[in-house]
Amino acid sequence: MNPNSRIDLSSVEWRKSSYSSGTGGECVEVAHNLPGITPVRDSKTPEGPTLVFPTRAWALFVASL
């Protein structure tokens, strides 16, 4: 994937961590319905920037936590 290419995230399904308190704390949201990539954003500023990781890299990161 070209690092300068844009990915259409307008129809992704975002989900918050089950550890989120639901009170607007410091949370990330992850989109899980795009094959091969995992977009991640700050739930407090959903219109802000999104980081996009290869799905395998994201899974390894989460598993290491």
PDB file of N, CA and C in Angstrom:
ATOM      1  N   MET A   1       0.851  -1.179   0.000  1.00  0.00           N
ATOM      2  CA  MET A   1       0.000   0.000   0.000  1.00  0.00           C
ATOM      3  C   MET A   1       0.891   1.235   0.000  1.00  0.00           C
ATOM      4  N   ASN A   2       0.531   2.183  -0.791  1.00  0.00           N
ATOM      5  CA  ASN A   2       1.255   3.452  -0.862  1.00  0.00           C
ATOM      6  C   ASN A   2       0.967   4.249   0.410  1.00  0.00           C
ATOM      7  N   PRO A   3       2.002   4.677   1.154  1.00  0.00           N
ATOM      8  CA  PRO A   3       1.761   5.413   2.408  1.00  0.00           C
ATOM      9  C   PRO A   3       1.082   6.756   2.193  1.00  0.00           C
ATOM     10  N   ASN A   4       1.084   7.265   0.964  1.00  0.00           N
ATOM     11  CA  ASN A   4       0.434   8.547   0.680  1.00  0.00           C
ATOM     12  C   ASN A   4      -0.983   8.386   0.154  1.00  0.00           C
ATOM     13  N   SER A   5      -1.435   7.144  -0.034  1.00  0.00           N
ATOM     14  CA  SER A   5      -2.786   6.938  -0.553  1.00  0.00           C
ATOM     15  C   SER A   5      -3.809   7.136   0.562  1.00  0.00           C
ATOM     16  N   ARG A   6      -4.992   7.515   0.180  1.00  0.00           N
ATOM     17  CA  ARG A   6      -6.084   7.727   1.143  1.00  0.00           C
ATOM     18  C   ARG A   6      -6.973   6.505   1.182  1.00  0.00           C
ATOM     19  N   ILE A   7      -7.439   6.167   2.361  1.00  0.00           N
ATOM     20  CA  ILE A   7      -8.344   5.044   2.544  1.00  0.00           C
ATOM     21  C   ILE A   7      -9.698   5.612   2.928  1.00  0.00           C
ATOM     22  N   ASP A   8     -10.740   5.144   2.253  1.00  0.00           N
ATOM     23  CA  ASP A   8     -12.091   5.618   2.553  1.00  0.00           C
ATOM     24  C   ASP A   8     -12.571   4.955   3.842  1.00  0.00           C
ATOM     25  N   LEU A   9     -12.703   5.756   4.890  1.00  0.00           N
ATOM     26  CA  LEU A   9     -13.137   5.248   6.189  1.00  0.00           C
ATOM     27  C   LEU A   9     -14.575   5.655   6.512  1.00  0.00           C
ATOM     28  N   SER A  10     -15.292   6.151   5.515  1.00  0.00           N
ATOM     29  CA  SER A  10     -16.637   6.674   5.769  1.00  0.00           C
ATOM     30  C   SER A  10     -17.645   5.595   6.158  1.00  0.00           C
ATOM     31  N   SER A  11     -17.401   4.355   5.807  1.00  0.00           N
ATOM     32  CA  SER A  11     -18.384   3.312   6.118  1.00  0.00           C
ATOM     33  C   SER A  11     -17.848   2.248   7.077  1.00  0.00           C
ATOM     34  N   VAL A  12     -16.727   2.528   7.740  1.00  0.00           N
ATOM     35  CA  VAL A  12     -16.186   1.522   8.658  1.00  0.00           C
ATOM     36  C   VAL A  12     -17.005   1.456   9.932  1.00  0.00           C
ATOM     37  N   GLU A  13     -16.921   0.332  10.603  1.00  0.00           N
ATOM     38  CA  GLU A  13     -17.603   0.131  11.881  1.00  0.00           C
ATOM     39  C   GLU A  13     -16.573   0.289  12.991  1.00  0.00           C
ATOM     40  N   TRP A  14     -16.691   1.366  13.776  1.00  0.00           N
ATOM     41  CA  TRP A  14     -15.755   1.631  14.858  1.00  0.00           C
ATOM     42  C   TRP A  14     -16.248   0.966  16.128  1.00  0.00           C
ATOM     43  N   ARG A  15     -15.307   0.470  16.929  1.00  0.00           N
ATOM     44  CA  ARG A  15     -15.683  -0.076  18.239  1.00  0.00           C
ATOM     45  C   ARG A  15     -14.664   0.373  19.271  1.00  0.00           C
ATOM     46  N   LYS A  16     -15.165   0.582  20.472  1.00  0.00           N
ATOM     47  CA  LYS A  16     -14.322   0.989  21.596  1.00  0.00           C
ATOM     48  C   LYS A  16     -13.926  -0.232  22.402  1.00  0.00           C
ATOM     49  N   SER A  17     -12.853  -0.097  23.119  1.00  0.00           N
ATOM     50  CA  SER A  17     -12.388  -1.172  23.978  1.00  0.00           C
ATOM     51  C   SER A  17     -13.452  -1.525  25.010  1.00  0.00           C
ATOM     52  N   SER A  18     -13.528  -2.796  25.342  1.00  0.00           N
ATOM     53  CA  SER A  18     -14.450  -3.218  26.404  1.00  0.00           C
ATOM     54  C   SER A  18     -13.987  -2.698  27.761  1.00  0.00           C
ATOM     55  N   TYR A  19     -12.755  -2.231  27.846  1.00  0.00           N
ATOM     56  CA  TYR A  19     -12.228  -1.650  29.080  1.00  0.00           C
ATOM     57  C   TYR A  19     -12.584  -0.180  29.222  1.00  0.00           C
ATOM     58  N   SER A  20     -13.224   0.405  28.212  1.00  0.00           N
ATOM     59  CA  SER A  20     -13.613   1.807  28.250  1.00  0.00           C
ATOM     60  C   SER A  20     -14.702   2.016  29.294  1.00  0.00           C
ATOM     61  N   SER A  21     -14.578   3.092  30.029  1.00  0.00           N
ATOM     62  CA  SER A  21     -15.569   3.361  31.068  1.00  0.00           C
ATOM     63  C   SER A  21     -16.859   3.932  30.513  1.00  0.00           C
ATOM     64  N   GLY A  22     -16.837   4.414  29.277  1.00  0.00           N
ATOM     65  CA  GLY A  22     -18.028   4.997  28.703  1.00  0.00           C
ATOM     66  C   GLY A  22     -18.273   6.427  29.141  1.00  0.00           C
ATOM     67  N   THR A  23     -17.345   7.018  29.902  1.00  0.00           N
ATOM     68  CA  THR A  23     -17.530   8.378  30.394  1.00  0.00           C
ATOM     69  C   THR A  23     -16.682   9.387  29.615  1.00  0.00           C
ATOM     70  N   GLY A  24     -16.206   8.986  28.450  1.00  0.00           N
ATOM     71  CA  GLY A  24     -15.422   9.919  27.640  1.00  0.00           C
ATOM     72  C   GLY A  24     -13.966   9.988  28.039  1.00  0.00           C
ATOM     73  N   GLY A  25     -13.480   8.959  28.684  1.00  0.00           N
ATOM     74  CA  GLY A  25     -12.084   8.931  29.098  1.00  0.00           C
ATOM     75  C   GLY A  25     -11.145   8.751  27.919  1.00  0.00           C
ATOM     76  N   GLU A  26      -9.924   8.397  28.234  1.00  0.00           N
ATOM     77  CA  GLU A  26      -8.910   8.236  27.202  1.00  0.00           C
ATOM     78  C   GLU A  26      -9.066   6.870  26.544  1.00  0.00           C
ATOM     79  N   CYS A  27      -9.689   6.847  25.377  1.00  0.00           N
ATOM     80  CA  CYS A  27      -9.980   5.588  24.693  1.00  0.00           C
ATOM     81  C   CYS A  27      -9.580   5.667  23.235  1.00  0.00           C
ATOM     82  N   VAL A  28      -9.340   4.508  22.689  1.00  0.00           N
ATOM     83  CA  VAL A  28      -9.140   4.417  21.250  1.00  0.00           C
ATOM     84  C   VAL A  28     -10.294   3.621  20.676  1.00  0.00           C
ATOM     85  N   GLU A  29     -10.569   3.876  19.409  1.00  0.00           N
ATOM     86  CA  GLU A  29     -11.551   3.100  18.676  1.00  0.00           C
ATOM     87  C   GLU A  29     -10.825   2.412  17.536  1.00  0.00           C
ATOM     88  N   VAL A  30     -11.263   1.204  17.234  1.00  0.00           N
ATOM     89  CA  VAL A  30     -10.651   0.403  16.191  1.00  0.00           C
ATOM     90  C   VAL A  30     -11.730   0.019  15.191  1.00  0.00           C
ATOM     91  N   ALA A  31     -11.416   0.153  13.909  1.00  0.00           N
ATOM     92  CA  ALA A  31     -12.337  -0.309  12.866  1.00  0.00           C
ATOM     93  C   ALA A  31     -11.941  -1.738  12.525  1.00  0.00           C
ATOM     94  N   HIS A  32     -12.913  -2.612  12.469  1.00  0.00           N
ATOM     95  CA  HIS A  32     -12.599  -4.029  12.318  1.00  0.00           C
ATOM     96  C   HIS A  32     -13.139  -4.657  11.047  1.00  0.00           C
ATOM     97  N   ASN A  33     -13.691  -3.887  10.135  1.00  0.00           N
ATOM     98  CA  ASN A  33     -14.306  -4.502   8.968  1.00  0.00           C
ATOM     99  C   ASN A  33     -13.602  -4.173   7.653  1.00  0.00           C
ATOM    100  N   LEU A  34     -12.291  -3.920   7.705  1.00  0.00           N
ATOM    101  CA  LEU A  34     -11.514  -3.684   6.488  1.00  0.00           C
ATOM    102  C   LEU A  34     -10.455  -4.776   6.368  1.00  0.00           C
ATOM    103  N   PRO A  35     -10.503  -5.563   5.320  1.00  0.00           N
ATOM    104  CA  PRO A  35      -9.553  -6.672   5.194  1.00  0.00           C
ATOM    105  C   PRO A  35      -8.109  -6.193   5.072  1.00  0.00           C
ATOM    106  N   GLY A  36      -7.247  -6.749   5.914  1.00  0.00           N
ATOM    107  CA  GLY A  36      -5.823  -6.485   5.812  1.00  0.00           C
ATOM    108  C   GLY A  36      -5.304  -5.270   6.545  1.00  0.00           C
ATOM    109  N   ILE A  37      -6.189  -4.375   6.974  1.00  0.00           N
ATOM    110  CA  ILE A  37      -5.752  -3.178   7.688  1.00  0.00           C
ATOM    111  C   ILE A  37      -6.627  -2.945   8.916  1.00  0.00           C
ATOM    112  N   THR A  38      -6.051  -2.267   9.906  1.00  0.00           N
ATOM    113  CA  THR A  38      -6.792  -1.924  11.120  1.00  0.00           C
ATOM    114  C   THR A  38      -6.610  -0.438  11.406  1.00  0.00           C
ATOM    115  N   PRO A  39      -7.632   0.375  11.099  1.00  0.00           N
ATOM    116  CA  PRO A  39      -7.578   1.793  11.446  1.00  0.00           C
ATOM    117  C   PRO A  39      -7.827   1.991  12.943  1.00  0.00           C
ATOM    118  N   VAL A  40      -7.118   2.950  13.533  1.00  0.00           N
ATOM    119  CA  VAL A  40      -7.230   3.251  14.957  1.00  0.00           C
ATOM    120  C   VAL A  40      -7.337   4.761  15.106  1.00  0.00           C
ATOM    121  N   ARG A  41      -8.259   5.221  15.966  1.00  0.00           N
ATOM    122  CA  ARG A  41      -8.423   6.666  16.188  1.00  0.00           C
ATOM    123  C   ARG A  41      -8.713   6.949  17.653  1.00  0.00           C
ATOM    124  N   ASP A  42      -8.572   8.203  18.024  1.00  0.00           N
ATOM    125  CA  ASP A  42      -8.877   8.675  19.377  1.00  0.00           C
ATOM    126  C   ASP A  42     -10.380   8.888  19.463  1.00  0.00           C
ATOM    127  N   SER A  43     -11.023   8.254  20.416  1.00  0.00           N
ATOM    128  CA  SER A  43     -12.484   8.362  20.524  1.00  0.00           C
ATOM    129  C   SER A  43     -12.939   9.767  20.904  1.00  0.00           C
ATOM    130  N   LYS A  44     -12.055  10.555  21.512  1.00  0.00           N
ATOM    131  CA  LYS A  44     -12.439  11.919  21.897  1.00  0.00           C
ATOM    132  C   LYS A  44     -12.469  12.861  20.703  1.00  0.00           C
ATOM    133  N   THR A  45     -11.716  12.536  19.664  1.00  0.00           N
ATOM    134  CA  THR A  45     -11.678  13.377  18.461  1.00  0.00           C
ATOM    135  C   THR A  45     -11.829  12.492  17.225  1.00  0.00           C
ATOM    136  N   PRO A  46     -13.031  11.944  17.016  1.00  0.00           N
ATOM    137  CA  PRO A  46     -13.226  11.023  15.902  1.00  0.00           C
ATOM    138  C   PRO A  46     -13.001  11.659  14.529  1.00  0.00           C
ATOM    139  N   GLU A  47     -13.074  12.964  14.452  1.00  0.00           N
ATOM    140  CA  GLU A  47     -12.824  13.650  13.178  1.00  0.00           C
ATOM    141  C   GLU A  47     -11.340  13.911  12.957  1.00  0.00           C
ATOM    142  N   GLY A  48     -10.539  13.586  13.953  1.00  0.00           N
ATOM    143  CA  GLY A  48      -9.092  13.809  13.881  1.00  0.00           C
ATOM    144  C   GLY A  48      -8.386  12.745  13.061  1.00  0.00           C
ATOM    145  N   PRO A  49      -7.070  12.684  13.158  1.00  0.00           N
ATOM    146  CA  PRO A  49      -6.302  11.733  12.347  1.00  0.00           C
ATOM    147  C   PRO A  49      -6.556  10.286  12.757  1.00  0.00           C
ATOM    148  N   THR A  50      -6.355   9.409  11.807  1.00  0.00           N
ATOM    149  CA  THR A  50      -6.488   7.971  12.015  1.00  0.00           C
ATOM    150  C   THR A  50      -5.171   7.300  11.647  1.00  0.00           C
ATOM    151  N   LEU A  51      -4.714   6.415  12.499  1.00  0.00           N
ATOM    152  CA  LEU A  51      -3.536   5.609  12.190  1.00  0.00           C
ATOM    153  C   LEU A  51      -4.022   4.301  11.579  1.00  0.00           C
ATOM    154  N   VAL A  52      -3.333   3.837  10.547  1.00  0.00           N
ATOM    155  CA  VAL A  52      -3.731   2.596   9.887  1.00  0.00           C
ATOM    156  C   VAL A  52      -2.561   1.618   9.953  1.00  0.00           C
ATOM    157  N   PHE A  53      -2.832   0.448  10.522  1.00  0.00           N
ATOM    158  CA  PHE A  53      -1.818  -0.588  10.704  1.00  0.00           C
ATOM    159  C   PHE A  53      -2.190  -1.825   9.896  1.00  0.00           C
ATOM    160  N   PRO A  54      -1.199  -2.578   9.434  1.00  0.00           N
ATOM    161  CA  PRO A  54      -1.518  -3.898   8.893  1.00  0.00           C
ATOM    162  C   PRO A  54      -2.170  -4.720  10.011  1.00  0.00           C
ATOM    163  N   THR A  55      -3.185  -5.479   9.680  1.00  0.00           N
ATOM    164  CA  THR A  55      -3.934  -6.220  10.698  1.00  0.00           C
ATOM    165  C   THR A  55      -3.033  -7.117  11.537  1.00  0.00           C
ATOM    166  N   ARG A  56      -2.102  -7.774  10.919  1.00  0.00           N
ATOM    167  CA  ARG A  56      -1.194  -8.670  11.666  1.00  0.00           C
ATOM    168  C   ARG A  56      -0.357  -7.883  12.669  1.00  0.00           C
ATOM    169  N   ALA A  57       0.132  -6.716  12.277  1.00  0.00           N
ATOM    170  CA  ALA A  57       0.930  -5.890  13.193  1.00  0.00           C
ATOM    171  C   ALA A  57       0.078  -5.441  14.381  1.00  0.00           C
ATOM    172  N   TRP A  58      -1.163  -5.043  14.133  1.00  0.00           N
ATOM    173  CA  TRP A  58      -2.042  -4.620  15.218  1.00  0.00           C
ATOM    174  C   TRP A  58      -2.317  -5.788  16.170  1.00  0.00           C
ATOM    175  N   ALA A  59      -2.573  -6.964  15.608  1.00  0.00           N
ATOM    176  CA  ALA A  59      -2.851  -8.146  16.439  1.00  0.00           C
ATOM    177  C   ALA A  59      -1.633  -8.493  17.304  1.00  0.00           C
ATOM    178  N   LEU A  60      -0.453  -8.400  16.749  1.00  0.00           N
ATOM    179  CA  LEU A  60       0.757  -8.669  17.536  1.00  0.00           C
ATOM    180  C   LEU A  60       0.933  -7.638  18.644  1.00  0.00           C
ATOM    181  N   PHE A  61       0.662  -6.378  18.336  1.00  0.00           N
ATOM    182  CA  PHE A  61       0.748  -5.315  19.336  1.00  0.00           C
ATOM    183  C   PHE A  61      -0.218  -5.578  20.494  1.00  0.00           C
ATOM    184  N   VAL A  62      -1.471  -5.866  20.172  1.00  0.00           N
ATOM    185  CA  VAL A  62      -2.473  -6.100  21.214  1.00  0.00           C
ATOM    186  C   VAL A  62      -2.117  -7.340  22.026  1.00  0.00           C
ATOM    187  N   ALA A  63      -1.654  -8.372  21.372  1.00  0.00           N
ATOM    188  CA  ALA A  63      -1.283  -9.602  22.083  1.00  0.00           C
ATOM    189  C   ALA A  63      -0.117  -9.361  23.045  1.00  0.00           C
ATOM    190  N   SER A  64       0.749  -8.424  22.708  1.00  0.00           N
ATOM    191  CA  SER A  64       1.901  -8.161  23.579  1.00  0.00           C
ATOM    192  C   SER A  64       1.534  -7.334  24.802  1.00  0.00           C
ATOM    193  N   LEU A  65       0.362  -6.728  24.801  1.00  0.00           N
ATOM    194  CA  LEU A  65      -0.058  -5.936  25.955  1.00  0.00           C
ATOM    195  C   LEU A  65      -0.465  -6.875  27.058  1.00  0.00           C
TER     196      LEU A  65
END
